[in-house]
Amino acid sequence: VKQVNDISEINAPIYGISFFAGNNETAKRISEEINSSSEVSCFHNGPFVDVTAKDCSKGKAIRILKKKYDIDILGAMGDSYNDMTMLEEADRSYTFFTSPKLLKEKVDKVIDSVQEALKDFRSLK
């Protein structure tokens, strides 16, 4: 991750951009505006906005990995709004007690630690 002040400072392919929007509400509003009228996908990530290629998401990555490697049960953990598609696609999903309320409502289990998630996931097999 490199902070740049002008796009001309970047001399490599750009796969995604994140920028600080000031606060969670502003980031959400900007993400919704960009998604409604743009050729890119956008996710709000707390006070940040993450921009990727159109239809590129962590959820899509989960679908591709499951199919490519014939994975029966795939778990995922995330802590912010930009993880939502991934958590929805995973067979078992986790987030932390410190995560936003919306994520806690969508996952299978709210956890204290990565270790707790791994222990739970191993018990599924």
N, C-alpha and C. Protein backbone atom coordinates (compact mmCIF):
# COMPACT_ATOMS: atom_id res chain seq x y z
N VAL A 1 0.85 -1.17 0.00
CA VAL A 1 0.00 0.00 0.00
C VAL A 1 0.89 1.23 0.00
N LYS A 2 0.62 2.10 -0.92
CA LYS A 2 1.40 3.33 -1.05
C LYS A 2 0.44 4.50 -1.15
N GLN A 3 0.68 5.51 -0.37
CA GLN A 3 -0.14 6.71 -0.46
C GLN A 3 0.38 7.58 -1.59
N VAL A 4 -0.52 8.01 -2.45
CA VAL A 4 -0.15 8.91 -3.55
C VAL A 4 -1.02 10.15 -3.49
N ASN A 5 -0.49 11.21 -4.00
CA ASN A 5 -1.22 12.48 -4.01
C ASN A 5 -1.77 12.81 -5.39
N ASP A 6 -1.26 12.13 -6.41
CA ASP A 6 -1.70 12.37 -7.77
C ASP A 6 -1.58 11.08 -8.55
N ILE A 7 -2.54 10.80 -9.41
CA ILE A 7 -2.57 9.56 -10.18
C ILE A 7 -1.32 9.41 -11.04
N SER A 8 -0.70 10.52 -11.43
CA SER A 8 0.50 10.45 -12.27
C SER A 8 1.69 9.84 -11.53
N GLU A 9 1.61 9.73 -10.20
CA GLU A 9 2.68 9.11 -9.42
C GLU A 9 2.69 7.59 -9.55
N ILE A 10 1.65 7.04 -10.14
CA ILE A 10 1.53 5.58 -10.24
C ILE A 10 2.00 5.14 -11.62
N ASN A 11 3.03 4.29 -11.66
CA ASN A 11 3.55 3.81 -12.94
C ASN A 11 3.44 2.29 -13.03
N ALA A 12 2.34 1.75 -12.52
CA ALA A 12 2.09 0.30 -12.56
C ALA A 12 0.59 0.09 -12.75
N PRO A 13 0.20 -1.13 -13.13
CA PRO A 13 -1.24 -1.40 -13.27
C PRO A 13 -1.97 -1.15 -11.94
N ILE A 14 -3.17 -0.63 -12.04
CA ILE A 14 -3.98 -0.38 -10.84
C ILE A 14 -5.09 -1.42 -10.80
N TYR A 15 -5.15 -2.18 -9.71
CA TYR A 15 -6.17 -3.21 -9.55
C TYR A 15 -7.26 -2.79 -8.59
N GLY A 16 -6.97 -1.83 -7.75
CA GLY A 16 -7.94 -1.33 -6.81
C GLY A 16 -7.42 -0.06 -6.18
N ILE A 17 -8.34 0.74 -5.72
CA ILE A 17 -7.98 2.00 -5.07
C ILE A 17 -8.80 2.11 -3.79
N SER A 18 -8.17 2.55 -2.73
CA SER A 18 -8.88 2.86 -1.49
C SER A 18 -8.59 4.31 -1.13
N PHE A 19 -9.63 4.98 -0.68
CA PHE A 19 -9.39 6.36 -0.23
C PHE A 19 -10.21 6.66 1.00
N PHE A 20 -9.72 7.58 1.77
CA PHE A 20 -10.36 8.00 3.02
C PHE A 20 -11.47 8.99 2.70
N ALA A 21 -12.67 8.69 3.18
CA ALA A 21 -13.84 9.54 2.89
C ALA A 21 -14.21 10.43 4.08
N GLY A 22 -13.54 10.28 5.19
CA GLY A 22 -13.81 11.14 6.34
C GLY A 22 -14.53 10.43 7.46
N ASN A 23 -15.60 9.70 7.11
CA ASN A 23 -16.35 8.95 8.13
C ASN A 23 -17.16 7.85 7.45
N ASN A 24 -17.72 6.98 8.26
CA ASN A 24 -18.46 5.82 7.77
C ASN A 24 -19.65 6.21 6.90
N GLU A 25 -20.42 7.19 7.32
CA GLU A 25 -21.61 7.61 6.58
C GLU A 25 -21.25 8.17 5.21
N THR A 26 -20.22 8.99 5.16
CA THR A 26 -19.79 9.56 3.89
C THR A 26 -19.26 8.48 2.96
N ALA A 27 -18.49 7.55 3.51
CA ALA A 27 -17.96 6.44 2.70
C ALA A 27 -19.10 5.61 2.13
N LYS A 28 -20.12 5.35 2.92
CA LYS A 28 -21.27 4.58 2.45
C LYS A 28 -21.99 5.32 1.33
N ARG A 29 -22.22 6.60 1.52
CA ARG A 29 -22.92 7.40 0.51
C ARG A 29 -22.13 7.44 -0.80
N ILE A 30 -20.82 7.69 -0.71
CA ILE A 30 -19.98 7.74 -1.91
C ILE A 30 -19.99 6.39 -2.62
N SER A 31 -19.88 5.30 -1.86
CA SER A 31 -19.89 3.96 -2.45
C SER A 31 -21.19 3.70 -3.19
N GLU A 32 -22.31 4.06 -2.58
CA GLU A 32 -23.61 3.86 -3.23
C GLU A 32 -23.72 4.69 -4.51
N GLU A 33 -23.23 5.93 -4.47
CA GLU A 33 -23.28 6.79 -5.65
C GLU A 33 -22.44 6.21 -6.78
N ILE A 34 -21.24 5.77 -6.46
CA ILE A 34 -20.36 5.22 -7.48
C ILE A 34 -20.97 3.94 -8.06
N ASN A 35 -21.51 3.08 -7.21
CA ASN A 35 -22.09 1.82 -7.69
C ASN A 35 -23.30 2.02 -8.58
N SER A 36 -24.04 3.11 -8.36
CA SER A 36 -25.26 3.33 -9.14
C SER A 36 -25.00 3.88 -10.53
N SER A 37 -23.81 4.39 -10.76
CA SER A 37 -23.59 5.03 -12.07
C SER A 37 -22.16 4.88 -12.58
N SER A 38 -21.58 3.71 -12.38
CA SER A 38 -20.18 3.61 -12.73
C SER A 38 -19.84 2.27 -13.36
N GLU A 39 -18.67 2.23 -13.94
CA GLU A 39 -18.16 1.00 -14.55
C GLU A 39 -17.20 0.29 -13.61
N VAL A 40 -17.25 0.62 -12.33
CA VAL A 40 -16.43 -0.03 -11.31
C VAL A 40 -17.33 -0.50 -10.18
N SER A 41 -16.80 -1.37 -9.34
CA SER A 41 -17.50 -1.78 -8.12
C SER A 41 -16.88 -1.03 -6.95
N CYS A 42 -17.71 -0.74 -5.99
CA CYS A 42 -17.26 0.07 -4.87
C CYS A 42 -17.82 -0.48 -3.57
N PHE A 43 -17.00 -0.49 -2.53
CA PHE A 43 -17.41 -1.00 -1.22
C PHE A 43 -16.96 -0.02 -0.16
N HIS A 44 -17.84 0.25 0.79
CA HIS A 44 -17.36 1.11 1.87
C HIS A 44 -16.77 0.23 2.95
N ASN A 45 -15.68 0.71 3.51
CA ASN A 45 -14.87 -0.04 4.45
C ASN A 45 -14.60 0.88 5.64
N GLY A 46 -15.62 1.00 6.50
CA GLY A 46 -15.50 1.99 7.57
C GLY A 46 -15.46 3.36 6.93
N PRO A 47 -14.50 4.20 7.30
CA PRO A 47 -14.41 5.53 6.71
C PRO A 47 -13.69 5.57 5.36
N PHE A 48 -13.37 4.40 4.81
CA PHE A 48 -12.67 4.31 3.53
C PHE A 48 -13.61 3.82 2.44
N VAL A 49 -13.25 4.08 1.21
CA VAL A 49 -13.97 3.59 0.04
C VAL A 49 -12.98 2.76 -0.76
N ASP A 50 -13.36 1.51 -1.06
CA ASP A 50 -12.53 0.61 -1.86
C ASP A 50 -13.15 0.48 -3.24
N VAL A 51 -12.37 0.74 -4.27
CA VAL A 51 -12.84 0.71 -5.65
C VAL A 51 -12.08 -0.39 -6.39
N THR A 52 -12.83 -1.25 -7.10
CA THR A 52 -12.24 -2.34 -7.87
C THR A 52 -12.87 -2.38 -9.26
N ALA A 53 -12.40 -3.30 -10.07
CA ALA A 53 -13.00 -3.50 -11.38
C ALA A 53 -14.45 -3.92 -11.20
N LYS A 54 -15.29 -3.63 -12.19
CA LYS A 54 -16.71 -3.98 -12.14
C LYS A 54 -16.88 -5.47 -11.86
N ASP A 55 -17.81 -5.78 -10.97
CA ASP A 55 -18.14 -7.16 -10.59
C ASP A 55 -16.99 -7.90 -9.93
N CYS A 56 -16.03 -7.19 -9.41
CA CYS A 56 -14.94 -7.80 -8.67
C CYS A 56 -15.27 -7.64 -7.18
N SER A 57 -15.30 -8.77 -6.47
CA SER A 57 -15.59 -8.72 -5.04
C SER A 57 -14.96 -9.91 -4.35
N LYS A 58 -14.88 -9.84 -3.06
CA LYS A 58 -14.38 -10.96 -2.27
C LYS A 58 -15.35 -12.15 -2.38
N GLY A 59 -16.62 -11.86 -2.52
CA GLY A 59 -17.60 -12.93 -2.70
C GLY A 59 -17.38 -13.69 -4.00
N LYS A 60 -17.09 -12.96 -5.06
CA LYS A 60 -16.81 -13.61 -6.34
C LYS A 60 -15.56 -14.47 -6.24
N ALA A 61 -14.57 -13.99 -5.52
CA ALA A 61 -13.34 -14.77 -5.32
C ALA A 61 -13.64 -16.08 -4.59
N ILE A 62 -14.53 -16.04 -3.60
CA ILE A 62 -14.92 -17.25 -2.88
C ILE A 62 -15.57 -18.25 -3.85
N ARG A 63 -16.49 -17.78 -4.69
CA ARG A 63 -17.15 -18.67 -5.65
C ARG A 63 -16.15 -19.31 -6.61
N ILE A 64 -15.22 -18.51 -7.10
CA ILE A 64 -14.21 -19.02 -8.04
C ILE A 64 -13.32 -20.06 -7.36
N LEU A 65 -12.84 -19.77 -6.16
CA LEU A 65 -11.97 -20.71 -5.45
C LEU A 65 -12.68 -22.03 -5.15
N LYS A 66 -13.93 -21.94 -4.70
CA LYS A 66 -14.67 -23.16 -4.39
C LYS A 66 -14.81 -24.05 -5.62
N LYS A 67 -15.12 -23.43 -6.75
CA LYS A 67 -15.30 -24.20 -7.97
C LYS A 67 -13.97 -24.74 -8.49
N LYS A 68 -12.97 -23.89 -8.57
CA LYS A 68 -11.68 -24.28 -9.14
C LYS A 68 -11.02 -25.41 -8.36
N TYR A 69 -11.10 -25.34 -7.03
CA TYR A 69 -10.43 -26.34 -6.20
C TYR A 69 -11.40 -27.35 -5.59
N ASP A 70 -12.63 -27.36 -6.06
CA ASP A 70 -13.64 -28.31 -5.60
C ASP A 70 -13.71 -28.36 -4.06
N ILE A 71 -13.87 -27.21 -3.47
CA ILE A 71 -13.90 -27.08 -2.01
C ILE A 71 -15.34 -27.27 -1.53
N ASP A 72 -15.54 -28.20 -0.60
CA ASP A 72 -16.87 -28.47 -0.06
C ASP A 72 -17.32 -27.42 0.95
N ILE A 73 -16.45 -27.12 1.89
CA ILE A 73 -16.79 -26.17 2.96
C ILE A 73 -15.69 -25.13 3.05
N LEU A 74 -16.05 -23.89 2.83
CA LEU A 74 -15.07 -22.81 2.88
C LEU A 74 -15.52 -21.79 3.92
N GLY A 75 -14.62 -21.45 4.81
CA GLY A 75 -14.92 -20.47 5.84
C GLY A 75 -14.27 -19.14 5.54
N ALA A 76 -14.86 -18.08 6.07
CA ALA A 76 -14.31 -16.74 5.88
C ALA A 76 -14.57 -15.90 7.12
N MET A 77 -13.64 -15.00 7.39
CA MET A 77 -13.88 -14.05 8.46
C MET A 77 -13.54 -12.65 7.96
N GLY A 78 -14.33 -11.71 8.42
CA GLY A 78 -14.13 -10.34 8.01
C GLY A 78 -14.60 -9.40 9.10
N ASP A 79 -14.17 -8.16 9.00
CA ASP A 79 -14.49 -7.21 10.07
C ASP A 79 -15.07 -5.89 9.59
N SER A 80 -15.35 -5.78 8.28
CA SER A 80 -15.88 -4.51 7.79
C SER A 80 -16.82 -4.76 6.61
N TYR A 81 -17.48 -3.70 6.18
CA TYR A 81 -18.51 -3.80 5.14
C TYR A 81 -17.97 -4.34 3.82
N ASN A 82 -16.71 -4.08 3.52
CA ASN A 82 -16.15 -4.57 2.26
C ASN A 82 -15.99 -6.09 2.27
N ASP A 83 -16.21 -6.74 3.40
CA ASP A 83 -16.14 -8.19 3.52
C ASP A 83 -17.51 -8.85 3.36
N MET A 84 -18.56 -8.08 3.22
CA MET A 84 -19.93 -8.60 3.22
C MET A 84 -20.16 -9.67 2.15
N THR A 85 -19.75 -9.43 0.92
CA THR A 85 -20.00 -10.42 -0.13
C THR A 85 -19.27 -11.73 0.15
N MET A 86 -18.08 -11.63 0.70
CA MET A 86 -17.30 -12.82 1.05
C MET A 86 -18.00 -13.61 2.15
N LEU A 87 -18.48 -12.92 3.16
CA LEU A 87 -19.15 -13.58 4.28
C LEU A 87 -20.45 -14.23 3.83
N GLU A 88 -21.14 -13.60 2.89
CA GLU A 88 -22.38 -14.17 2.37
C GLU A 88 -22.14 -15.43 1.54
N GLU A 89 -21.03 -15.50 0.84
CA GLU A 89 -20.72 -16.65 -0.03
C GLU A 89 -20.08 -17.81 0.72
N ALA A 90 -19.44 -17.54 1.84
CA ALA A 90 -18.76 -18.59 2.60
C ALA A 90 -19.78 -19.57 3.19
N ASP A 91 -19.36 -20.80 3.35
CA ASP A 91 -20.22 -21.80 3.98
C ASP A 91 -20.30 -21.58 5.49
N ARG A 92 -19.26 -21.03 6.05
CA ARG A 92 -19.24 -20.70 7.48
C ARG A 92 -18.57 -19.33 7.59
N SER A 93 -19.25 -18.40 8.20
CA SER A 93 -18.73 -17.02 8.24
C SER A 93 -18.58 -16.53 9.68
N TYR A 94 -17.56 -15.69 9.87
CA TYR A 94 -17.22 -15.19 11.20
C TYR A 94 -16.91 -13.69 11.14
N THR A 95 -17.26 -13.03 12.22
CA THR A 95 -16.82 -11.66 12.42
C THR A 95 -16.57 -11.47 13.90
N PHE A 96 -16.08 -10.31 14.26
CA PHE A 96 -15.67 -10.04 15.63
C PHE A 96 -16.71 -9.20 16.37
N PHE A 97 -16.68 -9.26 17.68
CA PHE A 97 -17.60 -8.47 18.50
C PHE A 97 -17.44 -6.98 18.23
N THR A 98 -16.28 -6.55 17.76
CA THR A 98 -16.01 -5.14 17.48
C THR A 98 -16.47 -4.72 16.09
N SER A 99 -16.94 -5.67 15.29
CA SER A 99 -17.35 -5.37 13.92
C SER A 99 -18.69 -4.63 13.91
N PRO A 100 -19.01 -3.99 12.79
CA PRO A 100 -20.30 -3.30 12.67
C PRO A 100 -21.47 -4.25 12.90
N LYS A 101 -22.54 -3.72 13.42
CA LYS A 101 -23.74 -4.49 13.76
C LYS A 101 -24.26 -5.29 12.56
N LEU A 102 -24.28 -4.68 11.39
CA LEU A 102 -24.79 -5.35 10.20
C LEU A 102 -24.03 -6.65 9.92
N LEU A 103 -22.72 -6.63 10.05
CA LEU A 103 -21.93 -7.84 9.84
C LEU A 103 -22.28 -8.90 10.88
N LYS A 104 -22.40 -8.49 12.12
CA LYS A 104 -22.72 -9.44 13.19
C LYS A 104 -24.06 -10.11 12.95
N GLU A 105 -24.99 -9.41 12.30
CA GLU A 105 -26.30 -9.98 12.00
C GLU A 105 -26.25 -10.97 10.83
N LYS A 106 -25.25 -10.89 9.98
CA LYS A 106 -25.18 -11.68 8.76
C LYS A 106 -24.34 -12.95 8.89
N VAL A 107 -23.44 -13.02 9.85
CA VAL A 107 -22.51 -14.15 9.93
C VAL A 107 -23.08 -15.31 10.73
N ASP A 108 -22.41 -16.45 10.60
CA ASP A 108 -22.81 -17.62 11.38
C ASP A 108 -22.39 -17.50 12.84
N LYS A 109 -21.23 -16.87 13.06
CA LYS A 109 -20.74 -16.81 14.43
C LYS A 109 -19.91 -15.56 14.66
N VAL A 110 -20.17 -14.90 15.78
CA VAL A 110 -19.38 -13.75 16.20
C VAL A 110 -18.33 -14.28 17.18
N ILE A 111 -17.09 -13.89 16.96
CA ILE A 111 -15.96 -14.48 17.68
C ILE A 111 -15.11 -13.44 18.39
N ASP A 112 -14.30 -13.94 19.32
CA ASP A 112 -13.33 -13.09 20.02
C ASP A 112 -11.97 -13.09 19.34
N SER A 113 -11.65 -14.20 18.63
CA SER A 113 -10.30 -14.33 18.08
C SER A 113 -10.30 -15.22 16.84
N VAL A 114 -9.23 -15.12 16.08
CA VAL A 114 -9.03 -15.99 14.92
C VAL A 114 -8.96 -17.44 15.40
N GLN A 115 -8.29 -17.66 16.51
CA GLN A 115 -8.17 -19.01 17.07
C GLN A 115 -9.55 -19.63 17.33
N GLU A 116 -10.47 -18.83 17.85
CA GLU A 116 -11.82 -19.33 18.10
C GLU A 116 -12.51 -19.75 16.80
N ALA A 117 -12.32 -18.94 15.75
CA ALA A 117 -12.92 -19.28 14.45
C ALA A 117 -12.32 -20.57 13.90
N LEU A 118 -11.02 -20.72 13.99
CA LEU A 118 -10.37 -21.93 13.48
C LEU A 118 -10.84 -23.17 14.23
N LYS A 119 -10.97 -23.06 15.53
CA LYS A 119 -11.45 -24.19 16.33
C LYS A 119 -12.87 -24.56 15.91
N ASP A 120 -13.73 -23.56 15.74
CA ASP A 120 -15.09 -23.81 15.32
C ASP A 120 -15.14 -24.44 13.93
N PHE A 121 -14.35 -23.90 13.01
CA PHE A 121 -14.35 -24.39 11.63
C PHE A 121 -13.87 -25.84 11.57
N ARG A 122 -12.85 -26.17 12.32
CA ARG A 122 -12.34 -27.55 12.35
C ARG A 122 -13.38 -28.52 12.87
N SER A 123 -14.27 -28.06 13.73
CA SER A 123 -15.28 -28.95 14.31
C SER A 123 -16.36 -29.31 13.28
N LEU A 124 -16.42 -28.61 12.16
CA LEU A 124 -17.43 -28.87 11.13
C LEU A 124 -17.12 -30.12 10.32
N LYS A 125 -15.87 -30.55 10.31
CA LYS A 125 -15.48 -31.68 9.45
C LYS A 125 -15.73 -32.99 10.10
